[in-house]
C-alpha atoms as a PDB file:
ATOM      1  CA  MET A   1      -3.369  -4.312  16.456  1.00  0.00           C
ATOM      2  CA  ARG A   2      -6.695  -6.236  16.672  1.00  0.00           C
ATOM      3  CA  PRO A   3      -7.396  -8.416  13.584  1.00  0.00           C
ATOM      4  CA  THR A   4     -10.693  -6.336  12.892  1.00  0.00           C
ATOM      5  CA  ASP A   5      -8.638  -3.234  12.921  1.00  0.00           C
ATOM      6  CA  LEU A   6      -6.025  -4.674  10.796  1.00  0.00           C
ATOM      7  CA  CYS A   7      -8.561  -5.611   8.189  1.00  0.00           C
ATOM      8  CA  LEU A   8      -9.943  -1.988   8.326  1.00  0.00           C
ATOM      9  CA  ALA A   9      -6.419  -0.603   7.801  1.00  0.00           C
ATOM     10  CA  LEU A  10      -5.922  -2.920   4.763  1.00  0.00           C
ATOM     11  CA  LEU A  11      -9.287  -1.859   3.543  1.00  0.00           C
ATOM     12  CA  VAL A  12      -8.221   1.931   3.599  1.00  0.00           C
ATOM     13  CA  VAL A  13      -5.013   1.001   1.596  1.00  0.00           C
ATOM     14  CA  LEU A  14      -7.283  -0.735  -1.028  1.00  0.00           C
ATOM     15  CA  VAL A  15      -9.680   2.181  -1.325  1.00  0.00           C
ATOM     16  CA  TRP A  16      -6.803   4.784  -1.645  1.00  0.00           C
ATOM     17  CA  GLY A  17      -4.892   2.577  -3.941  1.00  0.00           C
ATOM     18  CA  VAL A  18      -7.702   2.167  -6.362  1.00  0.00           C
ATOM     19  CA  ASN A  19      -8.481   5.794  -6.024  1.00  0.00           C
ATOM     20  CA  PHE A  20      -5.922   6.608  -8.692  1.00  0.00           C
ATOM     21  CA  ALA A  21      -7.396   4.503 -11.322  1.00  0.00           C
ATOM     22  CA  VAL A  22     -10.619   6.005 -10.602  1.00  0.00           C
ATOM     23  CA  ILE A  23      -9.319   9.542 -11.071  1.00  0.00           C
ATOM     24  CA  LYS A  24      -7.869   8.487 -14.500  1.00  0.00           C
ATOM     25  CA  THR A  25     -11.318   7.227 -15.390  1.00  0.00           C
ATOM     26  CA  GLY A  26     -12.942  10.525 -14.099  1.00  0.00           C
ATOM     27  CA  VAL A  27     -10.657  12.919 -15.990  1.00  0.00           C
ATOM     28  CA  ALA A  28     -11.314  10.917 -19.225  1.00  0.00           C
ATOM     29  CA  GLU A  29     -14.763  12.538 -19.445  1.00  0.00           C
ATOM     30  CA  VAL A  30     -14.690  15.480 -16.959  1.00  0.00           C
ATOM     31  CA  PRO A  31     -12.188  18.443 -17.111  1.00  0.00           C
ATOM     32  CA  PRO A  32      -9.753  17.789 -14.034  1.00  0.00           C
ATOM     33  CA  LEU A  33     -10.672  21.011 -12.285  1.00  0.00           C
ATOM     34  CA  LEU A  34     -14.366  20.586 -12.657  1.00  0.00           C
ATOM     35  CA  LEU A  35     -14.027  17.039 -11.501  1.00  0.00           C
ATOM     36  CA  GLY A  36     -12.446  18.597  -8.245  1.00  0.00           C
ATOM     37  CA  ALA A  37     -15.390  20.965  -7.652  1.00  0.00           C
ATOM     38  CA  LEU A  38     -17.797  18.003  -8.077  1.00  0.00           C
ATOM     39  CA  ARG A  39     -15.679  15.728  -5.891  1.00  0.00           C
ATOM     40  CA  PHE A  40     -15.881  18.212  -3.005  1.00  0.00           C
ATOM     41  CA  MET A  41     -19.423  19.181  -3.406  1.00  0.00           C
ATOM     42  CA  LEU A  42     -20.508  15.638  -3.030  1.00  0.00           C
ATOM     43  CA  ALA A  43     -18.165  15.161  -0.124  1.00  0.00           C
ATOM     44  CA  ALA A  44     -19.698  18.074   1.697  1.00  0.00           C
ATOM     45  CA  PHE A  45     -23.337  17.361   1.156  1.00  0.00           C
ATOM     46  CA  PRO A  46     -25.150  15.915   2.772  1.00  0.00           C
ATOM     47  CA  ALA A  47     -22.406  14.914   5.170  1.00  0.00           C
ATOM     48  CA  LEU A  48     -22.240  18.310   6.839  1.00  0.00           C
ATOM     49  CA  LEU A  49     -25.852  17.757   7.922  1.00  0.00           C
ATOM     50  CA  LEU A  50     -24.693  14.783   9.880  1.00  0.00           C
ATOM     51  CA  VAL A  51     -21.733  16.148  11.829  1.00  0.00           C
ATOM     52  CA  ARG A  52     -20.847  19.336  13.661  1.00  0.00           C
ATOM     53  CA  ALA A  53     -18.169  21.841  12.724  1.00  0.00           C
ATOM     54  CA  PRO A  54     -15.314  21.460  15.148  1.00  0.00           C
ATOM     55  CA  ARG A  55     -14.504  24.615  16.922  1.00  0.00           C
ATOM     56  CA  VAL A  56     -11.417  25.689  14.807  1.00  0.00           C
ATOM     57  CA  PRO A  57     -10.448  29.067  13.587  1.00  0.00           C
ATOM     58  CA  LEU A  58     -11.874  29.893  10.162  1.00  0.00           C
ATOM     59  CA  ARG A  59      -8.304  30.462   8.674  1.00  0.00           C
ATOM     60  CA  LEU A  60      -7.437  26.927   9.325  1.00  0.00           C
ATOM     61  CA  TYR A  61     -10.499  25.699   7.434  1.00  0.00           C
ATOM     62  CA  LEU A  62      -9.483  27.903   4.547  1.00  0.00           C
ATOM     63  CA  LEU A  63      -5.794  27.044   4.717  1.00  0.00           C
ATOM     64  CA  TYR A  64      -6.692  23.248   4.845  1.00  0.00           C
ATOM     65  CA  GLY A  65      -9.103  23.511   1.916  1.00  0.00           C
ATOM     66  CA  MET A  66      -6.785  25.617  -0.161  1.00  0.00           C
ATOM     67  CA  THR A  67      -3.864  23.307   0.136  1.00  0.00           C
ATOM     68  CA  ILE A  68      -4.605  19.654   0.750  1.00  0.00           C
ATOM     69  CA  SER A  69      -7.893  19.826  -1.221  1.00  0.00           C
ATOM     70  CA  VAL A  70      -7.620  22.497  -3.871  1.00  0.00           C
ATOM     71  CA  GLY A  71      -3.826  22.470  -4.318  1.00  0.00           C
ATOM     72  CA  GLN A  72      -3.176  18.763  -4.119  1.00  0.00           C
ATOM     73  CA  PHE A  73      -6.070  17.650  -6.292  1.00  0.00           C
ATOM     74  CA  ALA A  74      -5.914  20.451  -8.878  1.00  0.00           C
ATOM     75  CA  PHE A  75      -2.302  19.330  -9.506  1.00  0.00           C
ATOM     76  CA  LEU A  76      -3.023  15.498  -9.217  1.00  0.00           C
ATOM     77  CA  PHE A  77      -6.091  15.558 -11.319  1.00  0.00           C
ATOM     78  CA  SER A  78      -4.173  17.752 -14.086  1.00  0.00           C
ATOM     79  CA  ALA A  79      -1.260  15.540 -13.919  1.00  0.00           C
ATOM     80  CA  ILE A  80      -3.207  12.321 -14.679  1.00  0.00           C
ATOM     81  CA  HIS A  81      -5.337  14.095 -17.325  1.00  0.00           C
ATOM     82  CA  LEU A  82      -2.045  15.171 -19.039  1.00  0.00           C
ATOM     83  CA  GLY A  83      -1.024  11.647 -19.285  1.00  0.00           C
ATOM     84  CA  MET A  84       0.803  10.798 -15.911  1.00  0.00           C
ATOM     85  CA  PRO A  85       0.342   6.923 -15.436  1.00  0.00           C
ATOM     86  CA  SER A  86      -1.981   6.443 -12.526  1.00  0.00           C
ATOM     87  CA  GLY A  87       0.230   3.831 -10.810  1.00  0.00           C
ATOM     88  CA  LEU A  88       3.355   6.059 -11.000  1.00  0.00           C
ATOM     89  CA  ALA A  89       1.250   8.926  -9.719  1.00  0.00           C
ATOM     90  CA  SER A  90       0.360   6.945  -6.662  1.00  0.00           C
ATOM     91  CA  LEU A  91       4.087   6.158  -6.046  1.00  0.00           C
ATOM     92  CA  VAL A  92       5.337   9.741  -6.556  1.00  0.00           C
ATOM     93  CA  LEU A  93       2.668  11.274  -4.342  1.00  0.00           C
ATOM     94  CA  GLN A  94       4.386   9.556  -1.443  1.00  0.00           C
ATOM     95  CA  SER A  95       7.171  12.063  -1.569  1.00  0.00           C
ATOM     96  CA  GLN A  96       4.763  14.278   0.325  1.00  0.00           C
ATOM     97  CA  ALA A  97       6.235  12.438   3.449  1.00  0.00           C
ATOM     98  CA  PHE A  98       9.487  14.335   2.734  1.00  0.00           C
ATOM     99  CA  PHE A  99       7.830  17.501   1.781  1.00  0.00           C
ATOM    100  CA  THR A 100       6.250  17.524   5.076  1.00  0.00           C
ATOM    101  CA  MET A 101       9.560  16.957   6.762  1.00  0.00           C
ATOM    102  CA  LEU A 102      11.073  20.106   4.922  1.00  0.00           C
ATOM    103  CA  PHE A 103       8.123  22.265   5.751  1.00  0.00           C
ATOM    104  CA  ALA A 104       8.020  21.131   9.278  1.00  0.00           C
ATOM    105  CA  ALA A 105      11.610  22.290   9.754  1.00  0.00           C
ATOM    106  CA  LEU A 106      11.010  25.563   7.952  1.00  0.00           C
ATOM    107  CA  TRP A 107       7.670  26.517   9.462  1.00  0.00           C
ATOM    108  CA  LEU A 108       7.440  24.578  12.901  1.00  0.00           C
ATOM    109  CA  ASN A 109      11.265  24.588  13.810  1.00  0.00           C
ATOM    110  CA  GLU A 110      11.400  20.856  13.943  1.00  0.00           C
ATOM    111  CA  SER A 111      14.805  19.265  13.705  1.00  0.00           C
ATOM    112  CA  TRP A 112      15.778  16.379  11.650  1.00  0.00           C
ATOM    113  CA  ARG A 113      17.302  12.943  12.729  1.00  0.00           C
ATOM    114  CA  ALA A 114      20.122  11.128  10.749  1.00  0.00           C
ATOM    115  CA  ASN A 115      17.441   8.586   9.456  1.00  0.00           C
ATOM    116  CA  GLN A 116      15.320  11.315   8.139  1.00  0.00           C
ATOM    117  CA  LEU A 117      18.186  12.712   6.179  1.00  0.00           C
ATOM    118  CA  ALA A 118      19.162   9.414   4.964  1.00  0.00           C
ATOM    119  CA  GLY A 119      15.691   8.556   3.745  1.00  0.00           C
ATOM    120  CA  LEU A 120      15.309  11.954   2.066  1.00  0.00           C
ATOM    121  CA  VAL A 121      18.518  11.359  -0.110  1.00  0.00           C
ATOM    122  CA  LEU A 122      17.353   7.824  -0.884  1.00  0.00           C
ATOM    123  CA  ALA A 123      13.766   9.131  -1.930  1.00  0.00           C
ATOM    124  CA  ALA A 124      15.453  12.111  -3.806  1.00  0.00           C
ATOM    125  CA  GLY A 125      17.498   9.441  -5.779  1.00  0.00           C
ATOM    126  CA  GLY A 126      14.548   7.466  -6.638  1.00  0.00           C
ATOM    127  CA  LEU A 127      12.380  10.397  -7.736  1.00  0.00           C
ATOM    128  CA  ALA A 128      15.343  11.449  -9.959  1.00  0.00           C
ATOM    129  CA  LEU A 129      15.373   7.885 -11.524  1.00  0.00           C
ATOM    130  CA  ILE A 130      11.566   8.088 -12.202  1.00  0.00           C
ATOM    131  CA  GLY A 131      11.840  11.671 -13.518  1.00  0.00           C
ATOM    132  CA  SER A 132      14.576  10.660 -16.007  1.00  0.00           C
ATOM    133  CA  THR A 133      12.078   8.400 -17.748  1.00  0.00           C
ATOM    134  CA  HIS A 134       9.834  11.225 -19.084  1.00  0.00           C
ATOM    135  CA  GLY A 135       8.671  10.820 -22.490  1.00  0.00           C
ATOM    136  CA  LEU A 136       5.662   9.306 -24.157  1.00  0.00           C
ATOM    137  CA  SER A 137       4.906   6.958 -21.290  1.00  0.00           C
ATOM    138  CA  MET A 138       5.339   9.727 -18.705  1.00  0.00           C
ATOM    139  CA  PRO A 139       4.961  13.436 -19.723  1.00  0.00           C
ATOM    140  CA  LEU A 140       7.601  15.501 -17.642  1.00  0.00           C
ATOM    141  CA  THR A 141       4.850  17.997 -16.927  1.00  0.00           C
ATOM    142  CA  GLY A 142       2.718  15.109 -15.481  1.00  0.00           C
ATOM    143  CA  PHE A 143       5.585  14.212 -13.265  1.00  0.00           C
ATOM    144  CA  LEU A 144       6.234  17.848 -12.011  1.00  0.00           C
ATOM    145  CA  LEU A 145       2.523  18.449 -11.470  1.00  0.00           C
ATOM    146  CA  THR A 146       2.418  15.276  -9.331  1.00  0.00           C
ATOM    147  CA  LEU A 147       5.313  16.436  -7.220  1.00  0.00           C
ATOM    148  CA  ALA A 148       3.460  19.825  -6.827  1.00  0.00           C
ATOM    149  CA  ALA A 149       0.507  17.922  -5.660  1.00  0.00           C
ATOM    150  CA  ALA A 150       2.730  16.071  -2.979  1.00  0.00           C
ATOM    151  CA  SER A 151       3.915  19.415  -1.818  1.00  0.00           C
ATOM    152  CA  MET A 152       0.379  20.738  -1.303  1.00  0.00           C
ATOM    153  CA  TRP A 153      -0.455  17.484   0.564  1.00  0.00           C
ATOM    154  CA  ALA A 154       2.519  18.231   2.859  1.00  0.00           C
ATOM    155  CA  ALA A 155       1.453  21.832   3.269  1.00  0.00           C
ATOM    156  CA  GLY A 156      -2.082  20.477   4.417  1.00  0.00           C
ATOM    157  CA  ASN A 157      -0.296  18.225   6.863  1.00  0.00           C
ATOM    158  CA  ILE A 158       1.247  21.241   8.515  1.00  0.00           C
ATOM    159  CA  VAL A 159      -2.093  22.790   8.820  1.00  0.00           C
ATOM    160  CA  THR A 160      -3.359  19.591  10.417  1.00  0.00           C
ATOM    161  CA  ARG A 161      -0.553  19.903  13.009  1.00  0.00           C
ATOM    162  CA  LEU A 162      -1.765  23.483  13.624  1.00  0.00           C
ATOM    163  CA  VAL A 163      -5.323  22.320  13.961  1.00  0.00           C
ATOM    164  CA  SER A 164      -4.191  19.729  16.665  1.00  0.00           C
ATOM    165  CA  ARG A 165      -3.029  22.558  18.888  1.00  0.00           C
ATOM    166  CA  HIS A 166      -6.572  23.508  19.453  1.00  0.00           C
ATOM    167  CA  GLY A 167      -7.319  20.295  21.334  1.00  0.00           C
ATOM    168  CA  PRO A 168      -8.906  17.060  20.552  1.00  0.00           C
ATOM    169  CA  ILE A 169     -11.367  17.621  17.684  1.00  0.00           C
ATOM    170  CA  ASP A 170     -13.452  15.441  15.320  1.00  0.00           C
ATOM    171  CA  GLN A 171     -11.101  15.155  12.420  1.00  0.00           C
ATOM    172  CA  LEU A 172     -13.677  13.759  10.226  1.00  0.00           C
ATOM    173  CA  GLY A 173     -15.969  16.593  11.024  1.00  0.00           C
ATOM    174  CA  PHE A 174     -13.186  18.908  10.212  1.00  0.00           C
ATOM    175  CA  VAL A 175     -12.443  17.378   6.866  1.00  0.00           C
ATOM    176  CA  VAL A 176     -16.092  17.412   5.904  1.00  0.00           C
ATOM    177  CA  TRP A 177     -16.674  21.095   6.739  1.00  0.00           C
ATOM    178  CA  ALA A 178     -13.424  21.921   5.090  1.00  0.00           C
ATOM    179  CA  SER A 179     -14.810  20.389   1.965  1.00  0.00           C
ATOM    180  CA  LEU A 180     -16.999  23.599   1.774  1.00  0.00           C
ATOM    181  CA  VAL A 181     -13.821  25.478   0.906  1.00  0.00           C
ATOM    182  CA  PRO A 182     -12.699  23.826  -2.526  1.00  0.00           C
ATOM    183  CA  PRO A 183     -15.758  23.991  -4.748  1.00  0.00           C
ATOM    184  CA  LEU A 184     -15.793  27.740  -5.477  1.00  0.00           C
ATOM    185  CA  PRO A 185     -11.922  27.968  -6.344  1.00  0.00           C
ATOM    186  CA  PHE A 186     -12.212  24.827  -8.327  1.00  0.00           C
ATOM    187  CA  LEU A 187     -15.157  26.218 -10.189  1.00  0.00           C
ATOM    188  CA  GLY A 188     -13.326  29.671 -10.681  1.00  0.00           C
ATOM    189  CA  LEU A 189     -10.232  27.783 -11.981  1.00  0.00           C
ATOM    190  CA  SER A 190     -12.231  25.534 -14.239  1.00  0.00           C
ATOM    191  CA  LEU A 191     -14.212  28.494 -15.794  1.00  0.00           C
ATOM    192  CA  LEU A 192     -10.890  30.429 -16.227  1.00  0.00           C
ATOM    193  CA  LEU A 193      -8.675  27.628 -17.528  1.00  0.00           C
ATOM    194  CA  GLU A 194     -11.035  25.071 -18.856  1.00  0.00           C
ATOM    195  CA  GLY A 195     -13.735  27.489 -20.132  1.00  0.00           C
ATOM    196  CA  PRO A 196     -17.567  27.353 -19.930  1.00  0.00           C
ATOM    197  CA  ALA A 197     -17.979  25.452 -23.069  1.00  0.00           C
ATOM    198  CA  ALA A 198     -16.081  22.416 -21.702  1.00  0.00           C
ATOM    199  CA  MET A 199     -17.789  22.663 -18.412  1.00  0.00           C
ATOM    200  CA  THR A 200     -21.274  22.832 -19.892  1.00  0.00           C
ATOM    201  CA  ALA A 201     -20.531  19.929 -22.154  1.00  0.00           C
ATOM    202  CA  ALA A 202     -19.155  17.779 -19.377  1.00  0.00           C
ATOM    203  CA  LEU A 203     -22.135  18.504 -17.153  1.00  0.00           C
ATOM    204  CA  SER A 204     -24.850  18.037 -19.911  1.00  0.00           C
ATOM    205  CA  THR A 205     -23.407  14.612 -20.956  1.00  0.00           C
ATOM    206  CA  LEU A 206     -22.326  13.365 -17.540  1.00  0.00           C
ATOM    207  CA  SER A 207     -22.339   9.472 -17.844  1.00  0.00           C
ATOM    208  CA  VAL A 208     -23.101   6.989 -15.097  1.00  0.00           C
ATOM    209  CA  ARG A 209     -19.505   6.001 -15.236  1.00  0.00           C
ATOM    210  CA  SER A 210     -18.380   9.640 -14.517  1.00  0.00           C
ATOM    211  CA  PHE A 211     -20.867  10.086 -11.644  1.00  0.00           C
ATOM    212  CA  ALA A 212     -19.691   6.715 -10.248  1.00  0.00           C
ATOM    213  CA  ALA A 213     -16.150   8.064 -10.379  1.00  0.00           C
ATOM    214  CA  ILE A 214     -16.946  11.208  -8.576  1.00  0.00           C
ATOM    215  CA  ALA A 215     -19.114   9.314  -5.943  1.00  0.00           C
ATOM    216  CA  TYR A 216     -16.109   7.080  -5.227  1.00  0.00           C
ATOM    217  CA  LEU A 217     -13.696  10.040  -5.066  1.00  0.00           C
ATOM    218  CA  ALA A 218     -16.221  11.814  -2.525  1.00  0.00           C
ATOM    219  CA  TRP A 219     -17.606   9.110  -0.517  1.00  0.00           C
ATOM    220  CA  ALA A 220     -15.192   6.190  -0.567  1.00  0.00           C
ATOM    221  CA  ALA A 221     -11.843   7.951  -0.793  1.00  0.00           C
ATOM    222  CA  THR A 222     -12.685  11.067   1.079  1.00  0.00           C
ATOM    223  CA  LEU A 223     -15.134  10.375   3.824  1.00  0.00           C
ATOM    224  CA  PHE A 224     -14.971   6.507   4.075  1.00  0.00           C
ATOM    225  CA  GLY A 225     -11.331   6.243   3.636  1.00  0.00           C
ATOM    226  CA  TYR A 226     -10.417   9.186   6.034  1.00  0.00           C
ATOM    227  CA  GLY A 227     -13.207   8.096   8.515  1.00  0.00           C
ATOM    228  CA  LEU A 228     -11.557   4.787   8.975  1.00  0.00           C
ATOM    229  CA  TRP A 229      -8.007   6.157   9.046  1.00  0.00           C
ATOM    230  CA  THR A 230      -8.833   8.780  11.877  1.00  0.00           C
ATOM    231  CA  ARG A 231     -10.693   5.914  13.805  1.00  0.00           C
ATOM    232  CA  LEU A 232      -7.355   3.855  13.745  1.00  0.00           C
ATOM    233  CA  LEU A 233      -5.219   6.734  14.611  1.00  0.00           C
ATOM    234  CA  SER A 234      -7.481   7.395  17.771  1.00  0.00           C
ATOM    235  CA  ARG A 235      -6.995   3.823  18.826  1.00  0.00           C
ATOM    236  CA  TYR A 236      -3.332   3.200  18.071  1.00  0.00           C
ATOM    237  CA  PRO A 237       0.011   5.208  17.904  1.00  0.00           C
ATOM    238  CA  ALA A 238       0.552   7.058  14.768  1.00  0.00           C
ATOM    239  CA  ASN A 239       3.933   5.186  14.069  1.00  0.00           C
ATOM    240  CA  GLN A 240       1.815   1.710  14.040  1.00  0.00           C
ATOM    241  CA  VAL A 241      -0.868   3.131  11.661  1.00  0.00           C
ATOM    242  CA  ALA A 242       1.329   5.341   9.226  1.00  0.00           C
ATOM    243  CA  PRO A 243       3.341   2.574   7.833  1.00  0.00           C
ATOM    244  CA  PHE A 244       0.174   0.996   6.102  1.00  0.00           C
ATOM    245  CA  SER A 245       0.332   3.834   3.745  1.00  0.00           C
ATOM    246  CA  LEU A 246       3.291   2.420   2.152  1.00  0.00           C
ATOM    247  CA  LEU A 247       0.990  -0.106   0.632  1.00  0.00           C
ATOM    248  CA  VAL A 248      -0.903   2.309  -1.132  1.00  0.00           C
ATOM    249  CA  PRO A 249       1.393   2.346  -4.141  1.00  0.00           C
ATOM    250  CA  ILE A 250       1.525  -1.334  -4.606  1.00  0.00           C
ATOM    251  CA  VAL A 251      -2.275  -1.198  -5.061  1.00  0.00           C
ATOM    252  CA  GLY A 252      -2.038   1.826  -7.301  1.00  0.00           C
ATOM    253  CA  LEU A 253       0.601   0.326  -9.425  1.00  0.00           C
ATOM    254  CA  SER A 254      -1.274  -3.135  -9.643  1.00  0.00           C
ATOM    255  CA  THR A 255      -4.551  -1.390 -10.502  1.00  0.00           C
ATOM    256  CA  GLY A 256      -2.938   0.746 -13.110  1.00  0.00           C
ATOM    257  CA  TRP A 257      -1.456  -2.508 -14.688  1.00  0.00           C
ATOM    258  CA  LEU A 258      -4.598  -4.357 -14.537  1.00  0.00           C
ATOM    259  CA  VAL A 259      -7.117  -1.768 -15.681  1.00  0.00           C
ATOM    260  CA  PHE A 260      -5.056   0.223 -18.067  1.00  0.00           C
ATOM    261  CA  GLY A 261      -2.262  -1.923 -18.935  1.00  0.00           C
ATOM    262  CA  GLU A 262       0.473   0.592 -17.618  1.00  0.00           C
ATOM    263  CA  ALA A 263       3.684  -1.239 -17.931  1.00  0.00           C
ATOM    264  CA  LEU A 264       6.587  -0.001 -15.894  1.00  0.00           C
ATOM    265  CA  GLN A 265      10.214   0.007 -17.100  1.00  0.00           C
ATOM    266  CA  PRO A 266      12.980  -1.419 -14.873  1.00  0.00           C
ATOM    267  CA  ILE A 267      14.205   2.057 -14.065  1.00  0.00           C
ATOM    268  CA  HIS A 268      10.639   2.767 -12.607  1.00  0.00           C
ATOM    269  CA  PHE A 269      10.992  -0.316 -10.384  1.00  0.00           C
ATOM    270  CA  ALA A 270      14.638   0.995  -9.321  1.00  0.00           C
ATOM    271  CA  GLY A 271      13.295   4.435  -8.605  1.00  0.00           C
ATOM    272  CA  GLY A 272      10.223   3.173  -6.831  1.00  0.00           C
ATOM    273  CA  ALA A 273      12.292   0.894  -4.547  1.00  0.00           C
ATOM    274  CA  LEU A 274      14.546   3.711  -3.680  1.00  0.00           C
ATOM    275  CA  LEU A 275      11.622   5.990  -2.790  1.00  0.00           C
ATOM    276  CA  MET A 276       9.914   3.207  -0.792  1.00  0.00           C
ATOM    277  CA  LEU A 277      13.306   2.550   1.045  1.00  0.00           C
ATOM    278  CA  GLY A 278      13.619   6.056   1.680  1.00  0.00           C
ATOM    279  CA  LEU A 279      10.211   6.123   3.311  1.00  0.00           C
ATOM    280  CA  VAL A 280      10.933   2.992   5.371  1.00  0.00           C
ATOM    281  CA  VAL A 281      14.266   4.535   6.701  1.00  0.00           C
ATOM    282  CA  ASN A 282      12.321   7.578   7.578  1.00  0.00           C
ATOM    283  CA  LEU A 283       9.708   5.746   9.536  1.00  0.00           C
ATOM    284  CA  PHE A 284      11.780   3.046  11.048  1.00  0.00           C
ATOM    285  CA  GLY A 285      15.480   4.053  11.070  1.00  0.00           C
ATOM    286  CA  ASN A 286      15.594   5.669  14.441  1.00  0.00           C
ATOM    287  CA  ARG A 287      13.833   2.790  16.146  1.00  0.00           C
ATOM    288  CA  VAL A 288      16.294   0.397  14.495  1.00  0.00           C
ATOM    289  CA  ARG A 289      19.207   2.452  15.729  1.00  0.00           C
ATOM    290  CA  LEU A 290      18.142   2.336  19.236  1.00  0.00           C
ATOM    291  CA  TRP A 291      17.339  -1.208  19.178  1.00  0.00           C
ATOM    292  CA  LEU A 292      20.822  -1.885  17.906  1.00  0.00           C
ATOM    293  CA  ARG A 293      22.354   0.380  20.643  1.00  0.00           C
ATOM    294  CA  ALA A 294      20.268  -1.566  23.249  1.00  0.00           C
ATOM    295  CA  GLN A 295      21.794  -4.788  22.012  1.00  0.00           C
ATOM    296  CA  ASP A 296      25.425  -3.401  22.590  1.00  0.00           C
END
C-alpha cells in the first residue's frame, strides 16, 4: 500500500474511532432516535445533489437503509444513551464480523472454514466476559443493544453483497441515496417512543455542540469516512484493507478514556483481547495455515 493510502486508511480509523465519543456527546442533549434522523438528513442533503443514484433496485435501497442505517444506529445510539461506555461500544460492535459470517451462511449458503469457526468461538468467549461485567459501569441493556446494532450492521453487509451482484456501482452514491430512507422511520420512532415534547425541546434548544456532533456523524463518519474507505477498496484487495478496522476500537477506547474518563476493568481487557484475537484468526487464520503447509 502506498504511503499516501496508508495515511488515508489510518485517517478513516481515527474518524471512525472518535465517532463513538461524538455519539455520546450527541445523545447527551438530543434524544437518540431524533439524533439518528438528523444525522441522515444531513448526510443526504446536499450530497445527493452532487452524486447520481446508482441503478440498483429500490428494495435494496430500502433494505440497506432499514438495516445498516436505522437498525444499527437506533440500537447503538440508544445503547450509549442508556449508559453503554463509548469505548466498549466501539469494541463490542466489531462482533458484526461474526454476525455477517452467520448471516452469510444462512442466507447466501456460504460455508465456514476452520479458522472462522475458531475465531467465532474466541470472539464469543470475549463477548461473554465483557457481558458478565454489567452493572453500574455498563448496563446489561446497553450491552445487548450494542450486540443488536452489530447484528443490524451485519444484515446491511449482506445487503451490500446483494448490491454488488448488480455490477460495479458508485458505493458512495449508493450510501448517499440510501440515506433518504432512514429519516422518516427515525422520526416516526422518535415521535412514538421519545414523544413530541422531547423532540420539540431538543430542536428548539439545539446547541452549537449538538449541531457539531450531528455534522460530524453525517459528514465525517458517514460521507468522508465511507468515501475514503470505498476508494481504498477500489484500489487494493479487501483482505488488505479490512484489517485496518481492527484499529477502530483502540481509538474508541482511548477516546472514551481521555474524554469521558471511561476506565476499563481487567476483565474488559481480557474480553476485548479474546474478541480481537477472534477477529485476527478470522481474517488471517487461513492464510497462516496455507503458509505453514507450504513450508512443509
